């Protein structure tokens, strides 16, 4: 706990959650319900940090996209380009299957 004094907290959870916590303790996965809850909080903190990192990456990609000087494509142009890429991929697959 990195030198911090533990504080008691009352939390209301569903009966199903409590059963799962007690089952984890009963199986020996955790030494106590408190230990399992502390692990859940650690995982929650990690998840939040990862979400924040992903948000930074997404915002940077959006910024780069908005700053991109290349002209935007219309939906018709995108459709044409994607159709060409898919056709080329199918042709390559067909060629590879004919060889194999």
Foldseek 3Di string as FASTA:
>chain_A
DVPDDDDDDDDDDDPVVVVVLVVCCVVVVDVHSVRVVVVVVVVVVVVVVVVVVVVVVVVVVVVCVVVDPDDDDDPVVVVVVVVVVVVVVVVVVVVVVVVD
